[in-house]
Amino acid sequence: MALVQVATNTVTSAVASVTLTGIDSDDVYMVTGVGVGVETNIREVNMRITKSGTAQSDSEYDYAYKGLISNAGFTNVSSTNQTFIRWDSDLGTGTSEFSNFIIYLYNFNSSSEYSFGTVEEVSVNHSPNSIGKAGGFIHTVASASDGVNFQGESSSNLLSGTFTLYRCV
C-alpha cells in the first residue's frame, strides 16, 4: 500500500477546528493526527464528517472502542445517535499531554452507503496516564462525504498538532 497526501494542516496556535477535505474517489483514505493538544484542561478531541466541506452536526454518529489505560486496565466506550465522534482522552494543558491517532475512512465517496471508519489512538492524559484505544465509528447517512473536521470538546480550541489526510493506493 502506498499513501498519497491529499491535505495537511499544522496547528501552532489556538484554532477552533481543523477541516481536511479532498476525498473524491472510492479508495480507502487515512487520517493521521500527531501531537494533538487542546487549550482547556480535561477535554476531548471530537470529529465530524464533512459533506461539501461542511462539518455535519446531525445526530447520526455511532461509535465504540476498547481502551487500555495505564492505571485502570480496560474500558469500553460506546454511544449512538451523537452529534460527533469522540475518543475519551481527557487531554490537558501540560506540554506532555497529547494525542496521536490513525483513522481509516471507508465508503466516504459513496452516495448510497454509510461512511465509516476505524480508529487507533494513543495519548497521555492530564493525570498523566498512558492510554491506547482501538475502535470504530459510522455516520448513518447514505450520502457522499468529502472529509473530516476536528474540534476540541465544549468549545476548547485545538492548540497543537499536525493533521494529514492520505489516499491509500
N, C-alpha and C. Protein backbone atom coordinates (compact mmCIF):
# COMPACT_ATOMS: atom_id res chain seq x y z
N MET A 1 0.84 -1.17 0.00
CA MET A 1 0.00 0.00 0.00
C MET A 1 0.89 1.24 0.00
N ALA A 2 0.51 2.19 -0.84
CA ALA A 2 1.19 3.49 -0.87
C ALA A 2 0.21 4.56 -0.42
N LEU A 3 0.73 5.66 0.07
CA LEU A 3 -0.09 6.78 0.52
C LEU A 3 0.18 8.00 -0.35
N VAL A 4 -0.88 8.69 -0.74
CA VAL A 4 -0.78 9.94 -1.48
C VAL A 4 -1.38 11.02 -0.60
N GLN A 5 -0.58 12.00 -0.24
CA GLN A 5 -1.08 13.07 0.62
C GLN A 5 -2.12 13.90 -0.12
N VAL A 6 -3.26 14.12 0.53
CA VAL A 6 -4.36 14.89 -0.06
C VAL A 6 -4.44 16.27 0.57
N ALA A 7 -4.30 16.35 1.90
CA ALA A 7 -4.40 17.63 2.61
C ALA A 7 -3.68 17.51 3.93
N THR A 8 -3.14 18.64 4.42
CA THR A 8 -2.50 18.65 5.73
C THR A 8 -2.69 20.02 6.38
N ASN A 9 -2.69 20.03 7.70
CA ASN A 9 -2.83 21.27 8.45
C ASN A 9 -2.06 21.11 9.75
N THR A 10 -1.11 22.01 9.99
CA THR A 10 -0.35 22.01 11.23
C THR A 10 -0.81 23.17 12.09
N VAL A 11 -1.25 22.84 13.30
CA VAL A 11 -1.74 23.83 14.25
C VAL A 11 -0.58 24.24 15.16
N THR A 12 -0.29 25.54 15.20
CA THR A 12 0.78 26.05 16.05
C THR A 12 0.28 27.10 17.05
N SER A 13 -0.97 27.52 16.89
CA SER A 13 -1.63 28.40 17.86
C SER A 13 -3.11 28.06 17.86
N ALA A 14 -3.82 28.52 18.87
CA ALA A 14 -5.20 28.11 19.09
C ALA A 14 -6.11 28.35 17.89
N VAL A 15 -6.83 27.28 17.49
CA VAL A 15 -7.84 27.36 16.43
C VAL A 15 -9.07 26.59 16.90
N ALA A 16 -10.25 27.01 16.42
CA ALA A 16 -11.50 26.37 16.82
C ALA A 16 -11.64 24.97 16.22
N SER A 17 -11.16 24.79 15.00
CA SER A 17 -11.30 23.48 14.35
C SER A 17 -10.31 23.34 13.21
N VAL A 18 -10.15 22.13 12.75
CA VAL A 18 -9.33 21.81 11.59
C VAL A 18 -10.18 20.95 10.66
N THR A 19 -10.26 21.34 9.40
CA THR A 19 -11.00 20.58 8.40
C THR A 19 -10.05 20.12 7.31
N LEU A 20 -10.15 18.83 6.98
CA LEU A 20 -9.39 18.25 5.87
C LEU A 20 -10.38 17.69 4.86
N THR A 21 -10.35 18.20 3.65
CA THR A 21 -11.23 17.71 2.60
C THR A 21 -10.41 17.27 1.39
N GLY A 22 -11.08 16.65 0.43
CA GLY A 22 -10.41 16.20 -0.78
C GLY A 22 -10.71 14.75 -1.12
N ILE A 23 -11.61 14.12 -0.39
CA ILE A 23 -11.99 12.74 -0.71
C ILE A 23 -12.89 12.78 -1.94
N ASP A 24 -12.41 12.18 -3.03
CA ASP A 24 -13.14 12.26 -4.29
C ASP A 24 -13.07 10.97 -5.10
N SER A 25 -12.71 9.87 -4.42
CA SER A 25 -12.65 8.58 -5.11
C SER A 25 -13.15 7.50 -4.15
N ASP A 26 -13.33 6.30 -4.66
CA ASP A 26 -13.80 5.19 -3.83
C ASP A 26 -12.67 4.49 -3.08
N ASP A 27 -11.48 5.04 -3.12
CA ASP A 27 -10.35 4.46 -2.38
C ASP A 27 -10.56 4.57 -0.88
N VAL A 28 -9.80 3.79 -0.13
CA VAL A 28 -9.73 3.95 1.32
C VAL A 28 -8.85 5.17 1.58
N TYR A 29 -9.22 5.96 2.57
CA TYR A 29 -8.43 7.12 2.96
C TYR A 29 -7.96 6.94 4.39
N MET A 30 -6.88 7.62 4.74
CA MET A 30 -6.32 7.54 6.08
C MET A 30 -6.08 8.96 6.60
N VAL A 31 -6.40 9.18 7.86
CA VAL A 31 -6.12 10.46 8.52
C VAL A 31 -5.18 10.19 9.67
N THR A 32 -4.16 11.04 9.81
CA THR A 32 -3.28 10.94 10.97
C THR A 32 -3.34 12.25 11.75
N GLY A 33 -3.17 12.12 13.04
CA GLY A 33 -3.01 13.26 13.93
C GLY A 33 -1.78 13.01 14.78
N VAL A 34 -0.87 13.97 14.83
CA VAL A 34 0.37 13.81 15.58
C VAL A 34 0.52 15.01 16.51
N GLY A 35 0.70 14.74 17.81
CA GLY A 35 0.92 15.81 18.78
C GLY A 35 -0.28 16.71 18.97
N VAL A 36 -1.48 16.15 18.92
CA VAL A 36 -2.70 16.95 19.01
C VAL A 36 -2.95 17.32 20.48
N GLY A 37 -3.07 18.61 20.73
CA GLY A 37 -3.33 19.10 22.08
C GLY A 37 -4.48 20.08 22.09
N VAL A 38 -5.07 20.28 23.28
CA VAL A 38 -6.21 21.18 23.45
C VAL A 38 -5.84 22.31 24.40
N GLU A 39 -6.62 23.38 24.34
CA GLU A 39 -6.33 24.60 25.09
C GLU A 39 -6.84 24.55 26.54
N THR A 40 -7.88 23.75 26.80
CA THR A 40 -8.52 23.70 28.11
C THR A 40 -8.26 22.35 28.74
N ASN A 41 -8.02 22.34 30.04
CA ASN A 41 -7.70 21.11 30.75
C ASN A 41 -8.89 20.13 30.77
N ILE A 42 -8.57 18.85 30.65
CA ILE A 42 -9.50 17.73 30.71
C ILE A 42 -10.59 17.85 29.63
N ARG A 43 -10.14 17.88 28.38
CA ARG A 43 -11.04 17.96 27.24
C ARG A 43 -10.70 16.89 26.22
N GLU A 44 -11.68 16.60 25.38
CA GLU A 44 -11.55 15.60 24.32
C GLU A 44 -11.32 16.28 22.98
N VAL A 45 -10.90 15.48 22.00
CA VAL A 45 -10.90 15.90 20.61
C VAL A 45 -12.10 15.20 19.96
N ASN A 46 -12.97 15.96 19.34
CA ASN A 46 -14.14 15.42 18.67
C ASN A 46 -13.96 15.50 17.16
N MET A 47 -14.60 14.58 16.43
CA MET A 47 -14.50 14.55 14.98
C MET A 47 -15.90 14.51 14.38
N ARG A 48 -16.04 15.19 13.24
CA ARG A 48 -17.26 15.12 12.44
C ARG A 48 -16.86 14.88 10.99
N ILE A 49 -17.78 14.33 10.23
CA ILE A 49 -17.59 14.10 8.80
C ILE A 49 -18.06 15.34 8.05
N THR A 50 -17.38 15.65 6.95
CA THR A 50 -17.81 16.79 6.14
C THR A 50 -18.48 16.32 4.85
N LYS A 51 -19.46 17.09 4.46
CA LYS A 51 -20.14 16.91 3.17
C LYS A 51 -20.12 18.27 2.50
N SER A 52 -19.57 18.33 1.31
CA SER A 52 -19.36 19.60 0.60
C SER A 52 -18.58 20.58 1.47
N GLY A 53 -17.62 20.05 2.23
CA GLY A 53 -16.74 20.89 3.04
C GLY A 53 -17.32 21.36 4.35
N THR A 54 -18.55 20.99 4.67
CA THR A 54 -19.22 21.45 5.89
C THR A 54 -19.34 20.30 6.89
N ALA A 55 -18.88 20.54 8.12
CA ALA A 55 -18.98 19.53 9.18
C ALA A 55 -20.45 19.25 9.49
N GLN A 56 -20.80 17.97 9.53
CA GLN A 56 -22.17 17.55 9.79
C GLN A 56 -22.42 17.43 11.29
N SER A 57 -23.39 18.18 11.80
CA SER A 57 -23.68 18.17 13.24
C SER A 57 -24.99 17.46 13.56
N ASP A 58 -25.47 16.63 12.63
CA ASP A 58 -26.69 15.86 12.88
C ASP A 58 -26.43 14.79 13.95
N SER A 59 -27.47 14.18 14.43
CA SER A 59 -27.37 13.15 15.48
C SER A 59 -27.29 11.76 14.87
N GLU A 60 -26.34 11.56 13.94
CA GLU A 60 -26.25 10.31 13.19
C GLU A 60 -24.91 9.59 13.37
N TYR A 61 -24.17 9.93 14.42
CA TYR A 61 -22.87 9.30 14.65
C TYR A 61 -22.98 8.22 15.72
N ASP A 62 -22.47 7.04 15.41
CA ASP A 62 -22.36 5.95 16.37
C ASP A 62 -20.88 5.57 16.47
N TYR A 63 -20.40 5.26 17.67
CA TYR A 63 -19.00 4.87 17.83
C TYR A 63 -18.84 3.92 19.00
N ALA A 64 -17.77 3.14 18.96
CA ALA A 64 -17.44 2.22 20.05
C ALA A 64 -15.95 1.93 19.99
N TYR A 65 -15.34 1.76 21.16
CA TYR A 65 -13.94 1.37 21.20
C TYR A 65 -13.60 0.74 22.53
N LYS A 66 -12.48 0.07 22.55
CA LYS A 66 -11.89 -0.53 23.75
C LYS A 66 -10.67 0.30 24.10
N GLY A 67 -10.58 0.68 25.37
CA GLY A 67 -9.45 1.46 25.83
C GLY A 67 -8.59 0.68 26.80
N LEU A 68 -7.30 0.93 26.75
CA LEU A 68 -6.34 0.36 27.69
C LEU A 68 -5.69 1.54 28.42
N ILE A 69 -5.90 1.64 29.72
CA ILE A 69 -5.41 2.78 30.49
C ILE A 69 -4.37 2.29 31.49
N SER A 70 -3.24 3.00 31.56
CA SER A 70 -2.11 2.52 32.36
C SER A 70 -2.43 2.35 33.84
N ASN A 71 -3.39 3.10 34.38
CA ASN A 71 -3.69 2.98 35.80
C ASN A 71 -5.02 2.29 36.10
N ALA A 72 -5.76 1.86 35.06
CA ALA A 72 -7.10 1.36 35.32
C ALA A 72 -7.49 0.11 34.53
N GLY A 73 -6.61 -0.43 33.76
CA GLY A 73 -6.96 -1.60 32.98
C GLY A 73 -7.75 -1.26 31.74
N PHE A 74 -8.90 -1.94 31.54
CA PHE A 74 -9.68 -1.79 30.32
C PHE A 74 -10.89 -0.88 30.54
N THR A 75 -11.32 -0.27 29.46
CA THR A 75 -12.56 0.47 29.46
C THR A 75 -13.27 0.24 28.14
N ASN A 76 -14.58 0.25 28.18
CA ASN A 76 -15.40 0.14 26.97
C ASN A 76 -16.21 1.42 26.84
N VAL A 77 -16.16 2.03 25.68
CA VAL A 77 -16.92 3.25 25.44
C VAL A 77 -17.72 3.05 24.17
N SER A 78 -19.00 3.38 24.23
CA SER A 78 -19.82 3.33 23.02
C SER A 78 -20.97 4.31 23.18
N SER A 79 -21.46 4.79 22.05
CA SER A 79 -22.60 5.70 22.06
C SER A 79 -23.25 5.68 20.69
N THR A 80 -24.53 5.98 20.65
CA THR A 80 -25.27 6.04 19.39
C THR A 80 -25.99 7.37 19.29
N ASN A 81 -26.28 7.76 18.06
CA ASN A 81 -27.06 8.97 17.76
C ASN A 81 -26.46 10.23 18.38
N GLN A 82 -25.15 10.36 18.26
CA GLN A 82 -24.45 11.53 18.78
C GLN A 82 -24.24 12.57 17.67
N THR A 83 -23.86 13.79 18.05
CA THR A 83 -23.61 14.86 17.08
C THR A 83 -22.13 14.96 16.71
N PHE A 84 -21.32 14.03 17.17
CA PHE A 84 -19.89 13.98 16.86
C PHE A 84 -19.34 12.61 17.24
N ILE A 85 -18.11 12.35 16.83
CA ILE A 85 -17.38 11.14 17.21
C ILE A 85 -16.33 11.58 18.22
N ARG A 86 -16.22 10.89 19.32
CA ARG A 86 -15.19 11.26 20.30
C ARG A 86 -14.43 10.03 20.74
N TRP A 87 -13.21 10.25 21.17
CA TRP A 87 -12.49 9.22 21.88
C TRP A 87 -12.04 9.85 23.18
N ASP A 88 -12.27 9.16 24.26
CA ASP A 88 -12.24 9.67 25.62
C ASP A 88 -10.81 9.82 26.12
N SER A 89 -10.13 10.90 25.77
CA SER A 89 -8.72 11.05 26.09
C SER A 89 -8.45 11.90 27.32
N ASP A 90 -9.34 12.80 27.67
CA ASP A 90 -9.13 13.72 28.80
C ASP A 90 -7.77 14.40 28.72
N LEU A 91 -7.52 15.02 27.57
CA LEU A 91 -6.26 15.74 27.39
C LEU A 91 -6.23 16.97 28.29
N GLY A 92 -5.05 17.46 28.55
CA GLY A 92 -4.90 18.63 29.39
C GLY A 92 -4.00 19.67 28.75
N THR A 93 -3.59 20.60 29.55
CA THR A 93 -2.82 21.73 29.04
C THR A 93 -1.32 21.58 29.23
N GLY A 94 -0.87 20.49 29.83
CA GLY A 94 0.56 20.27 30.02
C GLY A 94 1.26 19.97 28.71
N THR A 95 2.56 20.21 28.68
CA THR A 95 3.31 20.04 27.44
C THR A 95 3.43 18.58 27.01
N SER A 96 3.26 17.63 27.93
CA SER A 96 3.37 16.22 27.55
C SER A 96 2.01 15.56 27.33
N GLU A 97 0.93 16.34 27.39
CA GLU A 97 -0.42 15.79 27.23
C GLU A 97 -0.86 15.97 25.78
N PHE A 98 -0.96 14.84 25.07
CA PHE A 98 -1.22 14.91 23.64
C PHE A 98 -1.86 13.63 23.16
N SER A 99 -2.34 13.68 21.93
CA SER A 99 -2.96 12.52 21.29
C SER A 99 -2.31 12.31 19.93
N ASN A 100 -2.11 11.05 19.58
CA ASN A 100 -1.68 10.65 18.25
C ASN A 100 -2.67 9.60 17.75
N PHE A 101 -3.08 9.70 16.49
CA PHE A 101 -4.07 8.74 16.00
C PHE A 101 -3.91 8.46 14.52
N ILE A 102 -4.46 7.30 14.14
CA ILE A 102 -4.60 6.89 12.74
C ILE A 102 -6.05 6.48 12.55
N ILE A 103 -6.69 7.03 11.55
CA ILE A 103 -8.08 6.73 11.25
C ILE A 103 -8.17 6.29 9.79
N TYR A 104 -8.77 5.15 9.54
CA TYR A 104 -9.03 4.71 8.17
C TYR A 104 -10.49 5.01 7.83
N LEU A 105 -10.73 5.58 6.66
CA LEU A 105 -12.05 6.02 6.23
C LEU A 105 -12.53 5.15 5.05
N TYR A 106 -13.76 4.67 5.16
CA TYR A 106 -14.33 3.77 4.15
C TYR A 106 -15.67 4.30 3.66
N ASN A 107 -15.97 4.05 2.39
CA ASN A 107 -17.25 4.40 1.75
C ASN A 107 -17.52 5.91 1.72
N PHE A 108 -16.54 6.73 1.91
CA PHE A 108 -16.79 8.17 2.01
C PHE A 108 -17.30 8.76 0.70
N ASN A 109 -16.85 8.26 -0.42
CA ASN A 109 -17.25 8.83 -1.71
C ASN A 109 -18.59 8.28 -2.20
N SER A 110 -19.13 7.30 -1.53
CA SER A 110 -20.37 6.65 -1.98
C SER A 110 -21.59 7.46 -1.58
N SER A 111 -22.51 7.64 -2.52
CA SER A 111 -23.75 8.36 -2.22
C SER A 111 -24.85 7.40 -1.74
N SER A 112 -24.57 6.10 -1.73
CA SER A 112 -25.59 5.13 -1.33
C SER A 112 -25.19 4.28 -0.13
N GLU A 113 -24.04 4.55 0.46
CA GLU A 113 -23.54 3.78 1.60
C GLU A 113 -23.25 4.71 2.77
N TYR A 114 -23.24 4.16 3.99
CA TYR A 114 -22.83 4.92 5.17
C TYR A 114 -21.31 5.09 5.18
N SER A 115 -20.84 6.27 5.56
CA SER A 115 -19.41 6.50 5.77
C SER A 115 -19.04 5.92 7.13
N PHE A 116 -17.92 5.17 7.18
CA PHE A 116 -17.49 4.61 8.46
C PHE A 116 -15.98 4.56 8.52
N GLY A 117 -15.45 4.26 9.71
CA GLY A 117 -14.01 4.22 9.85
C GLY A 117 -13.57 3.46 11.07
N THR A 118 -12.26 3.19 11.11
CA THR A 118 -11.64 2.58 12.28
C THR A 118 -10.66 3.60 12.87
N VAL A 119 -10.51 3.54 14.19
CA VAL A 119 -9.67 4.50 14.91
C VAL A 119 -8.67 3.74 15.78
N GLU A 120 -7.42 4.16 15.71
CA GLU A 120 -6.39 3.72 16.65
C GLU A 120 -5.80 4.99 17.24
N GLU A 121 -5.78 5.10 18.57
CA GLU A 121 -5.29 6.32 19.20
C GLU A 121 -4.45 5.98 20.41
N VAL A 122 -3.39 6.73 20.61
CA VAL A 122 -2.60 6.67 21.84
C VAL A 122 -2.47 8.09 22.36
N SER A 123 -2.50 8.24 23.68
CA SER A 123 -2.42 9.57 24.26
C SER A 123 -1.84 9.51 25.66
N VAL A 124 -1.48 10.67 26.15
CA VAL A 124 -1.13 10.88 27.56
C VAL A 124 -2.11 11.91 28.06
N ASN A 125 -2.88 11.58 29.12
CA ASN A 125 -3.90 12.49 29.58
C ASN A 125 -3.41 13.39 30.71
N HIS A 126 -4.34 14.11 31.33
CA HIS A 126 -4.00 15.11 32.34
C HIS A 126 -3.48 14.51 33.64
N SER A 127 -3.63 13.21 33.88
CA SER A 127 -3.29 12.61 35.18
C SER A 127 -1.81 12.52 35.53
N PRO A 128 -0.82 12.23 34.78
CA PRO A 128 -0.83 11.73 33.41
C PRO A 128 -0.84 10.20 33.38
N ASN A 129 -1.68 9.66 32.53
CA ASN A 129 -1.74 8.23 32.27
C ASN A 129 -1.62 8.00 30.79
N SER A 130 -0.99 6.89 30.44
CA SER A 130 -0.92 6.49 29.03
C SER A 130 -2.20 5.74 28.69
N ILE A 131 -2.75 6.05 27.51
CA ILE A 131 -3.99 5.44 27.08
C ILE A 131 -3.84 4.98 25.64
N GLY A 132 -4.34 3.80 25.34
CA GLY A 132 -4.40 3.32 23.97
C GLY A 132 -5.82 2.89 23.67
N LYS A 133 -6.30 3.17 22.47
CA LYS A 133 -7.67 2.82 22.11
C LYS A 133 -7.73 2.26 20.70
N ALA A 134 -8.70 1.40 20.49
CA ALA A 134 -8.99 0.89 19.15
C ALA A 134 -10.50 0.73 19.03
N GLY A 135 -11.04 1.15 17.90
CA GLY A 135 -12.48 1.04 17.72
C GLY A 135 -12.90 1.56 16.37
N GLY A 136 -14.15 2.00 16.30
CA GLY A 136 -14.66 2.48 15.03
C GLY A 136 -15.88 3.35 15.19
N PHE A 137 -16.34 3.87 14.05
CA PHE A 137 -17.49 4.77 14.02
C PHE A 137 -18.23 4.60 12.70
N ILE A 138 -19.46 5.10 12.69
CA ILE A 138 -20.26 5.12 11.46
C ILE A 138 -21.13 6.37 11.49
N HIS A 139 -21.31 6.97 10.32
CA HIS A 139 -22.23 8.09 10.16
C HIS A 139 -23.40 7.53 9.37
N THR A 140 -24.55 7.40 10.01
CA THR A 140 -25.68 6.67 9.42
C THR A 140 -26.52 7.55 8.50
N VAL A 141 -25.84 8.12 7.51
CA VAL A 141 -26.48 8.90 6.45
C VAL A 141 -25.90 8.40 5.13
N ALA A 142 -26.73 7.94 4.24
CA ALA A 142 -26.26 7.41 2.96
C ALA A 142 -26.11 8.55 1.96
N SER A 143 -24.98 9.23 2.03
CA SER A 143 -24.63 10.27 1.06
C SER A 143 -23.12 10.46 1.08
N ALA A 144 -22.57 10.99 0.01
CA ALA A 144 -21.12 11.12 -0.13
C ALA A 144 -20.56 12.11 0.88
N SER A 145 -19.40 11.75 1.45
CA SER A 145 -18.66 12.60 2.38
C SER A 145 -17.34 12.96 1.73
N ASP A 146 -16.83 14.17 1.99
CA ASP A 146 -15.58 14.58 1.34
C ASP A 146 -14.43 14.85 2.28
N GLY A 147 -14.62 14.65 3.59
CA GLY A 147 -13.52 14.89 4.52
C GLY A 147 -13.93 14.75 5.97
N VAL A 148 -13.07 15.29 6.84
CA VAL A 148 -13.29 15.23 8.28
C VAL A 148 -12.97 16.58 8.91
N ASN A 149 -13.58 16.80 10.09
CA ASN A 149 -13.38 18.04 10.85
C ASN A 149 -13.08 17.65 12.29
N PHE A 150 -12.08 18.30 12.88
CA PHE A 150 -11.71 18.05 14.28
C PHE A 150 -11.94 19.31 15.09
N GLN A 151 -12.49 19.13 16.29
CA GLN A 151 -12.75 20.24 17.21
C GLN A 151 -12.43 19.80 18.62
N GLY A 152 -12.12 20.76 19.49
CA GLY A 152 -11.99 20.47 20.90
C GLY A 152 -13.37 20.40 21.54
N GLU A 153 -13.48 19.61 22.59
CA GLU A 153 -14.73 19.46 23.32
C GLU A 153 -15.13 20.77 24.00
N SER A 154 -16.43 21.04 24.05
CA SER A 154 -17.00 22.18 24.79
C SER A 154 -16.33 23.51 24.43
N SER A 155 -16.15 23.73 23.15
CA SER A 155 -15.56 24.97 22.63
C SER A 155 -14.10 25.18 23.03
N SER A 156 -13.43 24.15 23.50
CA SER A 156 -11.99 24.25 23.76
C SER A 156 -11.28 24.26 22.42
N ASN A 157 -10.38 25.18 22.22
CA ASN A 157 -9.63 25.25 20.97
C ASN A 157 -8.61 24.13 20.87
N LEU A 158 -8.28 23.76 19.65
CA LEU A 158 -7.14 22.90 19.39
C LEU A 158 -5.90 23.79 19.50
N LEU A 159 -4.88 23.31 20.18
CA LEU A 159 -3.70 24.14 20.44
C LEU A 159 -2.47 23.69 19.66
N SER A 160 -2.43 22.41 19.28
CA SER A 160 -1.25 21.89 18.58
C SER A 160 -1.64 20.66 17.79
N GLY A 161 -0.74 20.27 16.89
CA GLY A 161 -0.92 19.02 16.16
C GLY A 161 -0.80 19.19 14.66
N THR A 162 -0.43 18.10 14.02
CA THR A 162 -0.41 18.03 12.57
C THR A 162 -1.44 16.99 12.13
N PHE A 163 -2.40 17.43 11.33
CA PHE A 163 -3.49 16.60 10.83
C PHE A 163 -3.25 16.40 9.33
N THR A 164 -3.26 15.14 8.88
CA THR A 164 -2.99 14.88 7.47
C THR A 164 -3.96 13.83 6.93
N LEU A 165 -4.49 14.09 5.74
CA LEU A 165 -5.37 13.17 5.04
C LEU A 165 -4.61 12.56 3.87
N TYR A 166 -4.65 11.24 3.76
CA TYR A 166 -3.99 10.49 2.69
C TYR A 166 -5.01 9.64 1.95
N ARG A 167 -4.75 9.41 0.67
CA ARG A 167 -5.47 8.41 -0.11
C ARG A 167 -4.60 7.17 -0.16
N CYS A 168 -5.17 6.00 0.12
CA CYS A 168 -4.43 4.74 0.09
C CYS A 168 -4.54 4.16 -1.32
N VAL A 169 -3.39 3.91 -1.95
CA VAL A 169 -3.38 3.36 -3.31
C VAL A 169 -2.57 2.10 -3.38
